[in-house]
Amino acid sequence: MCNKVLLSIVITPSIEDAFVDLLLEHDAVKGFTSVTVNGHGVSAHSLSPAEKVVGYQRQLLFQTYLSQQNVQELINSIKQHFSDSGIHYWLTPVINTGQII
């Protein structure tokens, strides 16, 4: 059994550069993946008029896995640097990791 968790974080594109910098500078983060996603079902008041027409909001999804001991430290750092930015995150247990070479 692995003692790691997958941290998934959804942010708005407007804070992408600063968010990437935070992840790159954080000691517990050894690497991460990011992808552009479309957020559906977000609250209507946070959508621009154009987003209301198309029915989604452009967002970025970041994923990294790290030890359970380090995840709260990273979340606290994100909260400190990006309060009131609408970031959404969730944790998923990681059963196993590896590399196929």
PDB file of N, CA and C in Angstrom:
ATOM      1  N   MET A   1       0.843  -1.189   0.000  1.00  0.00           N
ATOM      2  CA  MET A   1       0.000   0.000   0.000  1.00  0.00           C
ATOM      3  C   MET A   1       0.884   1.246   0.000  1.00  0.00           C
ATOM      4  N   CYS A   2       0.491   2.216  -0.776  1.00  0.00           N
ATOM      5  CA  CYS A   2       1.238   3.464  -0.939  1.00  0.00           C
ATOM      6  C   CYS A   2       0.663   4.515   0.021  1.00  0.00           C
ATOM      7  N   ASN A   3       1.502   5.347   0.608  1.00  0.00           N
ATOM      8  CA  ASN A   3       0.989   6.393   1.505  1.00  0.00           C
ATOM      9  C   ASN A   3       0.924   7.741   0.805  1.00  0.00           C
ATOM     10  N   LYS A   4       0.665   7.718  -0.495  1.00  0.00           N
ATOM     11  CA  LYS A   4       0.579   8.955  -1.261  1.00  0.00           C
ATOM     12  C   LYS A   4      -0.869   9.258  -1.617  1.00  0.00           C
ATOM     13  N   VAL A   5      -1.112  10.533  -1.920  1.00  0.00           N
ATOM     14  CA  VAL A   5      -2.426  10.970  -2.364  1.00  0.00           C
ATOM     15  C   VAL A   5      -2.255  11.748  -3.666  1.00  0.00           C
ATOM     16  N   LEU A   6      -3.273  11.698  -4.488  1.00  0.00           N
ATOM     17  CA  LEU A   6      -3.317  12.494  -5.708  1.00  0.00           C
ATOM     18  C   LEU A   6      -4.091  13.762  -5.385  1.00  0.00           C
ATOM     19  N   LEU A   7      -3.441  14.896  -5.544  1.00  0.00           N
ATOM     20  CA  LEU A   7      -4.073  16.186  -5.332  1.00  0.00           C
ATOM     21  C   LEU A   7      -4.460  16.739  -6.691  1.00  0.00           C
ATOM     22  N   SER A   8      -5.751  16.949  -6.898  1.00  0.00           N
ATOM     23  CA  SER A   8      -6.279  17.537  -8.128  1.00  0.00           C
ATOM     24  C   SER A   8      -6.759  18.942  -7.799  1.00  0.00           C
ATOM     25  N   ILE A   9      -6.350  19.906  -8.617  1.00  0.00           N
ATOM     26  CA  ILE A   9      -6.639  21.316  -8.345  1.00  0.00           C
ATOM     27  C   ILE A   9      -7.147  21.961  -9.627  1.00  0.00           C
ATOM     28  N   VAL A  10      -8.260  22.676  -9.542  1.00  0.00           N
ATOM     29  CA  VAL A  10      -8.823  23.383 -10.688  1.00  0.00           C
ATOM     30  C   VAL A  10      -8.721  24.879 -10.417  1.00  0.00           C
ATOM     31  N   ILE A  11      -8.110  25.601 -11.381  1.00  0.00           N
ATOM     32  CA  ILE A  11      -7.928  27.045 -11.241  1.00  0.00           C
ATOM     33  C   ILE A  11      -8.427  27.759 -12.497  1.00  0.00           C
ATOM     34  N   THR A  12      -8.549  29.067 -12.393  1.00  0.00           N
ATOM     35  CA  THR A  12      -8.876  29.883 -13.563  1.00  0.00           C
ATOM     36  C   THR A  12      -7.584  30.229 -14.299  1.00  0.00           C
ATOM     37  N   PRO A  13      -7.645  30.407 -15.606  1.00  0.00           N
ATOM     38  CA  PRO A  13      -6.438  30.737 -16.369  1.00  0.00           C
ATOM     39  C   PRO A  13      -5.746  32.026 -15.918  1.00  0.00           C
ATOM     40  N   SER A  14      -6.469  32.933 -15.308  1.00  0.00           N
ATOM     41  CA  SER A  14      -5.886  34.221 -14.920  1.00  0.00           C
ATOM     42  C   SER A  14      -4.774  34.098 -13.881  1.00  0.00           C
ATOM     43  N   ILE A  15      -4.730  33.005 -13.130  1.00  0.00           N
ATOM     44  CA  ILE A  15      -3.685  32.851 -12.110  1.00  0.00           C
ATOM     45  C   ILE A  15      -2.680  31.753 -12.472  1.00  0.00           C
ATOM     46  N   GLU A  16      -2.727  31.298 -13.715  1.00  0.00           N
ATOM     47  CA  GLU A  16      -1.895  30.157 -14.118  1.00  0.00           C
ATOM     48  C   GLU A  16      -0.409  30.358 -13.834  1.00  0.00           C
ATOM     49  N   ASP A  17       0.172  31.452 -14.290  1.00  0.00           N
ATOM     50  CA  ASP A  17       1.613  31.638 -14.139  1.00  0.00           C
ATOM     51  C   ASP A  17       2.037  31.651 -12.669  1.00  0.00           C
ATOM     52  N   ALA A  18       1.321  32.380 -11.846  1.00  0.00           N
ATOM     53  CA  ALA A  18       1.654  32.445 -10.419  1.00  0.00           C
ATOM     54  C   ALA A  18       1.465  31.086  -9.753  1.00  0.00           C
ATOM     55  N   PHE A  19       0.440  30.348 -10.174  1.00  0.00           N
ATOM     56  CA  PHE A  19       0.185  29.032  -9.590  1.00  0.00           C
ATOM     57  C   PHE A  19       1.283  28.044  -9.971  1.00  0.00           C
ATOM     58  N   VAL A  20       1.694  28.060 -11.223  1.00  0.00           N
ATOM     59  CA  VAL A  20       2.791  27.190 -11.675  1.00  0.00           C
ATOM     60  C   VAL A  20       4.056  27.514 -10.888  1.00  0.00           C
ATOM     61  N   ASP A  21       4.334  28.801 -10.694  1.00  0.00           N
ATOM     62  CA  ASP A  21       5.506  29.196  -9.908  1.00  0.00           C
ATOM     63  C   ASP A  21       5.455  28.625  -8.498  1.00  0.00           C
ATOM     64  N   LEU A  22       4.288  28.700  -7.865  1.00  0.00           N
ATOM     65  CA  LEU A  22       4.147  28.155  -6.512  1.00  0.00           C
ATOM     66  C   LEU A  22       4.444  26.661  -6.494  1.00  0.00           C
ATOM     67  N   LEU A  23       3.898  25.913  -7.448  1.00  0.00           N
ATOM     68  CA  LEU A  23       4.136  24.470  -7.484  1.00  0.00           C
ATOM     69  C   LEU A  23       5.608  24.155  -7.742  1.00  0.00           C
ATOM     70  N   LEU A  24       6.230  24.887  -8.666  1.00  0.00           N
ATOM     71  CA  LEU A  24       7.630  24.631  -8.992  1.00  0.00           C
ATOM     72  C   LEU A  24       8.565  24.940  -7.826  1.00  0.00           C
ATOM     73  N   GLU A  25       8.174  25.886  -6.978  1.00  0.00           N
ATOM     74  CA  GLU A  25       9.017  26.290  -5.854  1.00  0.00           C
ATOM     75  C   GLU A  25       8.761  25.491  -4.586  1.00  0.00           C
ATOM     76  N   HIS A  26       7.692  24.718  -4.554  1.00  0.00           N
ATOM     77  CA  HIS A  26       7.338  23.988  -3.330  1.00  0.00           C
ATOM     78  C   HIS A  26       8.163  22.701  -3.239  1.00  0.00           C
ATOM     79  N   ASP A  27       8.848  22.519  -2.124  1.00  0.00           N
ATOM     80  CA  ASP A  27       9.756  21.379  -1.944  1.00  0.00           C
ATOM     81  C   ASP A  27       9.066  20.021  -2.059  1.00  0.00           C
ATOM     82  N   ALA A  28       7.831  19.922  -1.637  1.00  0.00           N
ATOM     83  CA  ALA A  28       7.137  18.627  -1.631  1.00  0.00           C
ATOM     84  C   ALA A  28       6.675  18.198  -3.021  1.00  0.00           C
ATOM     85  N   VAL A  29       6.589  19.133  -3.955  1.00  0.00           N
ATOM     86  CA  VAL A  29       6.103  18.829  -5.298  1.00  0.00           C
ATOM     87  C   VAL A  29       7.296  18.442  -6.170  1.00  0.00           C
ATOM     88  N   LYS A  30       7.322  17.185  -6.580  1.00  0.00           N
ATOM     89  CA  LYS A  30       8.426  16.685  -7.411  1.00  0.00           C
ATOM     90  C   LYS A  30       8.104  16.770  -8.898  1.00  0.00           C
ATOM     91  N   GLY A  31       6.872  17.057  -9.233  1.00  0.00           N
ATOM     92  CA  GLY A  31       6.412  17.192 -10.606  1.00  0.00           C
ATOM     93  C   GLY A  31       4.903  17.273 -10.601  1.00  0.00           C
ATOM     94  N   PHE A  32       4.340  17.718 -11.712  1.00  0.00           N
ATOM     95  CA  PHE A  32       2.883  17.816 -11.809  1.00  0.00           C
ATOM     96  C   PHE A  32       2.478  17.797 -13.260  1.00  0.00           C
ATOM     97  N   THR A  33       1.208  17.575 -13.474  1.00  0.00           N
ATOM     98  CA  THR A  33       0.609  17.573 -14.802  1.00  0.00           C
ATOM     99  C   THR A  33      -0.440  18.673 -14.838  1.00  0.00           C
ATOM    100  N   SER A  34      -0.539  19.356 -15.983  1.00  0.00           N
ATOM    101  CA  SER A  34      -1.599  20.346 -16.137  1.00  0.00           C
ATOM    102  C   SER A  34      -2.262  20.168 -17.488  1.00  0.00           C
ATOM    103  N   VAL A  35      -3.543  20.474 -17.537  1.00  0.00           N
ATOM    104  CA  VAL A  35      -4.315  20.339 -18.763  1.00  0.00           C
ATOM    105  C   VAL A  35      -5.446  21.365 -18.731  1.00  0.00           C
ATOM    106  N   THR A  36      -5.772  21.903 -19.905  1.00  0.00           N
ATOM    107  CA  THR A  36      -6.906  22.806 -20.022  1.00  0.00           C
ATOM    108  C   THR A  36      -8.184  21.981 -20.038  1.00  0.00           C
ATOM    109  N   VAL A  37      -9.159  22.393 -19.246  1.00  0.00           N
ATOM    110  CA  VAL A  37     -10.433  21.681 -19.157  1.00  0.00           C
ATOM    111  C   VAL A  37     -11.581  22.683 -19.282  1.00  0.00           C
ATOM    112  N   ASN A  38     -12.760  22.174 -19.527  1.00  0.00           N
ATOM    113  CA  ASN A  38     -13.971  22.986 -19.537  1.00  0.00           C
ATOM    114  C   ASN A  38     -14.781  22.649 -18.304  1.00  0.00           C
ATOM    115  N   GLY A  39     -15.064  23.671 -17.494  1.00  0.00           N
ATOM    116  CA  GLY A  39     -15.863  23.472 -16.293  1.00  0.00           C
ATOM    117  C   GLY A  39     -17.329  23.654 -16.590  1.00  0.00           C
ATOM    118  N   HIS A  40     -18.103  22.611 -16.348  1.00  0.00           N
ATOM    119  CA  HIS A  40     -19.552  22.660 -16.553  1.00  0.00           C
ATOM    120  C   HIS A  40     -20.231  22.633 -15.188  1.00  0.00           C
ATOM    121  N   GLY A  41     -21.322  23.331 -15.079  1.00  0.00           N
ATOM    122  CA  GLY A  41     -22.069  23.312 -13.831  1.00  0.00           C
ATOM    123  C   GLY A  41     -21.536  24.271 -12.788  1.00  0.00           C
ATOM    124  N   VAL A  42     -20.626  25.149 -13.186  1.00  0.00           N
ATOM    125  CA  VAL A  42     -20.137  26.150 -12.243  1.00  0.00           C
ATOM    126  C   VAL A  42     -21.239  27.157 -11.977  1.00  0.00           C
ATOM    127  N   SER A  43     -21.142  27.856 -10.862  1.00  0.00           N
ATOM    128  CA  SER A  43     -22.215  28.783 -10.505  1.00  0.00           C
ATOM    129  C   SER A  43     -22.357  29.885 -11.560  1.00  0.00           C
ATOM    130  N   ALA A  44     -23.572  30.210 -11.881  1.00  0.00           N
ATOM    131  CA  ALA A  44     -23.872  31.151 -12.973  1.00  0.00           C
ATOM    132  C   ALA A  44     -23.275  32.533 -12.732  1.00  0.00           C
ATOM    133  N   HIS A  45     -23.190  32.966 -11.473  1.00  0.00           N
ATOM    134  CA  HIS A  45     -22.673  34.313 -11.212  1.00  0.00           C
ATOM    135  C   HIS A  45     -21.179  34.436 -11.521  1.00  0.00           C
ATOM    136  N   SER A  46     -20.472  33.321 -11.615  1.00  0.00           N
ATOM    137  CA  SER A  46     -19.039  33.384 -11.911  1.00  0.00           C
ATOM    138  C   SER A  46     -18.757  33.302 -13.417  1.00  0.00           C
ATOM    139  N   LEU A  47     -19.782  33.126 -14.230  1.00  0.00           N
ATOM    140  CA  LEU A  47     -19.603  33.018 -15.679  1.00  0.00           C
ATOM    141  C   LEU A  47     -19.711  34.380 -16.351  1.00  0.00           C
ATOM    142  N   SER A  48     -18.876  34.601 -17.351  1.00  0.00           N
ATOM    143  CA  SER A  48     -19.000  35.800 -18.177  1.00  0.00           C
ATOM    144  C   SER A  48     -20.210  35.610 -19.094  1.00  0.00           C
ATOM    145  N   PRO A  49     -20.686  36.679 -19.733  1.00  0.00           N
ATOM    146  CA  PRO A  49     -21.806  36.511 -20.673  1.00  0.00           C
ATOM    147  C   PRO A  49     -21.506  35.484 -21.773  1.00  0.00           C
ATOM    148  N   ALA A  50     -20.280  35.493 -22.312  1.00  0.00           N
ATOM    149  CA  ALA A  50     -19.919  34.523 -23.356  1.00  0.00           C
ATOM    150  C   ALA A  50     -19.933  33.097 -22.815  1.00  0.00           C
ATOM    151  N   GLU A  51     -19.463  32.917 -21.583  1.00  0.00           N
ATOM    152  CA  GLU A  51     -19.456  31.579 -20.979  1.00  0.00           C
ATOM    153  C   GLU A  51     -20.876  31.083 -20.716  1.00  0.00           C
ATOM    154  N   LYS A  52     -21.767  31.995 -20.395  1.00  0.00           N
ATOM    155  CA  LYS A  52     -23.162  31.601 -20.190  1.00  0.00           C
ATOM    156  C   LYS A  52     -23.771  31.083 -21.489  1.00  0.00           C
ATOM    157  N   VAL A  53     -23.369  31.660 -22.618  1.00  0.00           N
ATOM    158  CA  VAL A  53     -23.891  31.238 -23.914  1.00  0.00           C
ATOM    159  C   VAL A  53     -23.377  29.841 -24.264  1.00  0.00           C
ATOM    160  N   VAL A  54     -22.077  29.616 -24.112  1.00  0.00           N
ATOM    161  CA  VAL A  54     -21.511  28.319 -24.495  1.00  0.00           C
ATOM    162  C   VAL A  54     -21.740  27.247 -23.439  1.00  0.00           C
ATOM    163  N   GLY A  55     -21.998  27.646 -22.211  1.00  0.00           N
ATOM    164  CA  GLY A  55     -22.344  26.686 -21.164  1.00  0.00           C
ATOM    165  C   GLY A  55     -21.173  26.095 -20.401  1.00  0.00           C
ATOM    166  N   TYR A  56     -19.987  26.680 -20.531  1.00  0.00           N
ATOM    167  CA  TYR A  56     -18.847  26.197 -19.755  1.00  0.00           C
ATOM    168  C   TYR A  56     -17.848  27.318 -19.532  1.00  0.00           C
ATOM    169  N   GLN A  57     -16.930  27.045 -18.630  1.00  0.00           N
ATOM    170  CA  GLN A  57     -15.877  27.991 -18.300  1.00  0.00           C
ATOM    171  C   GLN A  57     -14.522  27.316 -18.497  1.00  0.00           C
ATOM    172  N   ARG A  58     -13.623  27.966 -19.204  1.00  0.00           N
ATOM    173  CA  ARG A  58     -12.264  27.438 -19.373  1.00  0.00           C
ATOM    174  C   ARG A  58     -11.569  27.438 -18.015  1.00  0.00           C
ATOM    175  N   GLN A  59     -10.945  26.324 -17.696  1.00  0.00           N
ATOM    176  CA  GLN A  59     -10.224  26.186 -16.446  1.00  0.00           C
ATOM    177  C   GLN A  59      -8.969  25.354 -16.697  1.00  0.00           C
ATOM    178  N   LEU A  60      -8.123  25.266 -15.689  1.00  0.00           N
ATOM    179  CA  LEU A  60      -6.924  24.435 -15.766  1.00  0.00           C
ATOM    180  C   LEU A  60      -6.971  23.430 -14.631  1.00  0.00           C
ATOM    181  N   LEU A  61      -6.644  22.190 -14.953  1.00  0.00           N
ATOM    182  CA  LEU A  61      -6.583  21.121 -13.961  1.00  0.00           C
ATOM    183  C   LEU A  61      -5.119  20.757 -13.749  1.00  0.00           C
ATOM    184  N   PHE A  62      -4.687  20.803 -12.507  1.00  0.00           N
ATOM    185  CA  PHE A  62      -3.344  20.390 -12.126  1.00  0.00           C
ATOM    186  C   PHE A  62      -3.471  19.146 -11.269  1.00  0.00           C
ATOM    187  N   GLN A  63      -2.546  18.204 -11.465  1.00  0.00           N
ATOM    188  CA  GLN A  63      -2.520  17.004 -10.634  1.00  0.00           C
ATOM    189  C   GLN A  63      -1.082  16.706 -10.234  1.00  0.00           C
ATOM    190  N   THR A  64      -0.916  16.372  -8.975  1.00  0.00           N
ATOM    191  CA  THR A  64       0.375  15.942  -8.463  1.00  0.00           C
ATOM    192  C   THR A  64       0.115  14.930  -7.358  1.00  0.00           C
ATOM    193  N   TYR A  65       1.019  13.994  -7.203  1.00  0.00           N
ATOM    194  CA  TYR A  65       0.866  13.099  -6.067  1.00  0.00           C
ATOM    195  C   TYR A  65       2.029  13.305  -5.124  1.00  0.00           C
ATOM    196  N   LEU A  66       1.711  13.250  -3.850  1.00  0.00           N
ATOM    197  CA  LEU A  66       2.691  13.490  -2.814  1.00  0.00           C
ATOM    198  C   LEU A  66       2.275  12.767  -1.549  1.00  0.00           C
ATOM    199  N   SER A  67       3.161  12.755  -0.578  1.00  0.00           N
ATOM    200  CA  SER A  67       2.871  12.022   0.658  1.00  0.00           C
ATOM    201  C   SER A  67       1.753  12.704   1.435  1.00  0.00           C
ATOM    202  N   GLN A  68       1.058  11.918   2.211  1.00  0.00           N
ATOM    203  CA  GLN A  68      -0.023  12.451   3.030  1.00  0.00           C
ATOM    204  C   GLN A  68       0.508  13.487   4.023  1.00  0.00           C
ATOM    205  N   GLN A  69       1.756  13.333   4.451  1.00  0.00           N
ATOM    206  CA  GLN A  69       2.338  14.280   5.396  1.00  0.00           C
ATOM    207  C   GLN A  69       2.530  15.664   4.767  1.00  0.00           C
ATOM    208  N   ASN A  70       2.810  15.713   3.474  1.00  0.00           N
ATOM    209  CA  ASN A  70       3.112  16.989   2.808  1.00  0.00           C
ATOM    210  C   ASN A  70       1.910  17.669   2.163  1.00  0.00           C
ATOM    211  N   VAL A  71       0.830  16.952   1.988  1.00  0.00           N
ATOM    212  CA  VAL A  71      -0.285  17.518   1.229  1.00  0.00           C
ATOM    213  C   VAL A  71      -0.926  18.705   1.953  1.00  0.00           C
ATOM    214  N   GLN A  72      -1.088  18.636   3.269  1.00  0.00           N
ATOM    215  CA  GLN A  72      -1.730  19.745   3.977  1.00  0.00           C
ATOM    216  C   GLN A  72      -0.871  20.997   3.938  1.00  0.00           C
ATOM    217  N   GLU A  73       0.446  20.820   3.988  1.00  0.00           N
ATOM    218  CA  GLU A  73       1.357  21.969   3.881  1.00  0.00           C
ATOM    219  C   GLU A  73       1.182  22.666   2.535  1.00  0.00           C
ATOM    220  N   LEU A  74       1.075  21.891   1.473  1.00  0.00           N
ATOM    221  CA  LEU A  74       0.875  22.469   0.144  1.00  0.00           C
ATOM    222  C   LEU A  74      -0.483  23.159   0.053  1.00  0.00           C
ATOM    223  N   ILE A  75      -1.524  22.527   0.554  1.00  0.00           N
ATOM    224  CA  ILE A  75      -2.857  23.144   0.529  1.00  0.00           C
ATOM    225  C   ILE A  75      -2.853  24.454   1.308  1.00  0.00           C
ATOM    226  N   ASN A  76      -2.197  24.479   2.464  1.00  0.00           N
ATOM    227  CA  ASN A  76      -2.122  25.713   3.249  1.00  0.00           C
ATOM    228  C   ASN A  76      -1.385  26.810   2.490  1.00  0.00           C
ATOM    229  N   SER A  77      -0.333  26.459   1.775  1.00  0.00           N
ATOM    230  CA  SER A  77       0.405  27.431   0.971  1.00  0.00           C
ATOM    231  C   SER A  77      -0.467  27.981  -0.155  1.00  0.00           C
ATOM    232  N   ILE A  78      -1.225  27.107  -0.803  1.00  0.00           N
ATOM    233  CA  ILE A  78      -2.145  27.547  -1.859  1.00  0.00           C
ATOM    234  C   ILE A  78      -3.186  28.498  -1.283  1.00  0.00           C
ATOM    235  N   LYS A  79      -3.750  28.160  -0.122  1.00  0.00           N
ATOM    236  CA  LYS A  79      -4.751  29.032   0.515  1.00  0.00           C
ATOM    237  C   LYS A  79      -4.161  30.395   0.855  1.00  0.00           C
ATOM    238  N   GLN A  80      -2.921  30.394   1.325  1.00  0.00           N
ATOM    239  CA  GLN A  80      -2.266  31.642   1.707  1.00  0.00           C
ATOM    240  C   GLN A  80      -2.028  32.541   0.493  1.00  0.00           C
ATOM    241  N   HIS A  81      -1.584  31.965  -0.607  1.00  0.00           N
ATOM    242  CA  HIS A  81      -1.229  32.758  -1.783  1.00  0.00           C
ATOM    243  C   HIS A  81      -2.411  33.073  -2.710  1.00  0.00           C
ATOM    244  N   PHE A  82      -3.468  32.272  -2.632  1.00  0.00           N
ATOM    245  CA  PHE A  82      -4.568  32.428  -3.590  1.00  0.00           C
ATOM    246  C   PHE A  82      -5.937  32.477  -2.916  1.00  0.00           C
ATOM    247  N   SER A  83      -6.030  33.141  -1.775  1.00  0.00           N
ATOM    248  CA  SER A  83      -7.329  33.239  -1.103  1.00  0.00           C
ATOM    249  C   SER A  83      -8.314  33.986  -2.012  1.00  0.00           C
ATOM    250  N   ASP A  84      -9.564  33.591  -1.949  1.00  0.00           N
ATOM    251  CA  ASP A  84     -10.644  34.207  -2.739  1.00  0.00           C
ATOM    252  C   ASP A  84     -10.446  34.101  -4.250  1.00  0.00           C
ATOM    253  N   SER A  85      -9.742  33.062  -4.706  1.00  0.00           N
ATOM    254  CA  SER A  85      -9.527  32.917  -6.149  1.00  0.00           C
ATOM    255  C   SER A  85     -10.396  31.821  -6.758  1.00  0.00           C
ATOM    256  N   GLY A  86     -11.244  31.183  -5.965  1.00  0.00           N
ATOM    257  CA  GLY A  86     -12.161  30.184  -6.495  1.00  0.00           C
ATOM    258  C   GLY A  86     -11.528  28.849  -6.823  1.00  0.00           C
ATOM    259  N   ILE A  87     -10.358  28.574  -6.264  1.00  0.00           N
ATOM    260  CA  ILE A  87      -9.695  27.292  -6.516  1.00  0.00           C
ATOM    261  C   ILE A  87     -10.507  26.165  -5.891  1.00  0.00           C
ATOM    262  N   HIS A  88     -10.633  25.086  -6.634  1.00  0.00           N
ATOM    263  CA  HIS A  88     -11.319  23.879  -6.160  1.00  0.00           C
ATOM    264  C   HIS A  88     -10.299  22.747  -6.172  1.00  0.00           C
ATOM    265  N   TYR A  89     -10.290  21.930  -5.117  1.00  0.00           N
ATOM    266  CA  TYR A  89      -9.345  20.809  -5.076  1.00  0.00           C
ATOM    267  C   TYR A  89      -9.992  19.594  -4.437  1.00  0.00           C
ATOM    268  N   TRP A  90      -9.405  18.439  -4.701  1.00  0.00           N
ATOM    269  CA  TRP A  90      -9.823  17.209  -4.042  1.00  0.00           C
ATOM    270  C   TRP A  90      -8.639  16.262  -3.938  1.00  0.00           C
ATOM    271  N   LEU A  91      -8.714  15.360  -2.977  1.00  0.00           N
ATOM    272  CA  LEU A  91      -7.673  14.365  -2.746  1.00  0.00           C
ATOM    273  C   LEU A  91      -8.206  12.980  -3.044  1.00  0.00           C
ATOM    274  N   THR A  92      -7.367  12.161  -3.643  1.00  0.00           N
ATOM    275  CA  THR A  92      -7.708  10.780  -3.951  1.00  0.00           C
ATOM    276  C   THR A  92      -6.576   9.887  -3.464  1.00  0.00           C
ATOM    277  N   PRO A  93      -6.880   8.812  -2.745  1.00  0.00           N
ATOM    278  CA  PRO A  93      -5.809   7.906  -2.323  1.00  0.00           C
ATOM    279  C   PRO A  93      -5.125   7.274  -3.538  1.00  0.00           C
ATOM    280  N   VAL A  94      -3.817   7.122  -3.460  1.00  0.00           N
ATOM    281  CA  VAL A  94      -3.048   6.457  -4.512  1.00  0.00           C
ATOM    282  C   VAL A  94      -2.715   5.056  -4.009  1.00  0.00           C
ATOM    283  N   ILE A  95      -3.159   4.063  -4.736  1.00  0.00           N
ATOM    284  CA  ILE A  95      -2.916   2.667  -4.328  1.00  0.00           C
ATOM    285  C   ILE A  95      -1.491   2.250  -4.645  1.00  0.00           C
ATOM    286  N   ASN A  96      -1.001   2.678  -5.799  1.00  0.00           N
ATOM    287  CA  ASN A  96       0.337   2.274  -6.202  1.00  0.00           C
ATOM    288  C   ASN A  96       0.846   3.252  -7.261  1.00  0.00           C
ATOM    289  N   THR A  97       2.142   3.388  -7.378  1.00  0.00           N
ATOM    290  CA  THR A  97       2.756   4.182  -8.441  1.00  0.00           C
ATOM    291  C   THR A  97       3.944   3.398  -8.991  1.00  0.00           C
ATOM    292  N   GLY A  98       4.370   3.764 -10.165  1.00  0.00           N
ATOM    293  CA  GLY A  98       5.513   3.102 -10.746  1.00  0.00           C
ATOM    294  C   GLY A  98       5.868   3.725 -12.068  1.00  0.00           C
ATOM    295  N   GLN A  99       6.899   3.201 -12.672  1.00  0.00           N
ATOM    296  CA  GLN A  99       7.335   3.678 -13.974  1.00  0.00           C
ATOM    297  C   GLN A  99       7.628   2.456 -14.841  1.00  0.00           C
ATOM    298  N   ILE A 100       7.129   2.475 -16.043  1.00  0.00           N
ATOM    299  CA  ILE A 100       7.367   1.388 -16.981  1.00  0.00           C
ATOM    300  C   ILE A 100       8.544   1.820 -17.864  1.00  0.00           C
ATOM    301  N   ILE A 101       9.633   1.096 -17.778  1.00  0.00           N
ATOM    302  CA  ILE A 101      10.820   1.462 -18.544  1.00  0.00           C
ATOM    303  C   ILE A 101      11.143   0.385 -19.555  1.00  0.00           C
TER     304      ILE A 101
END
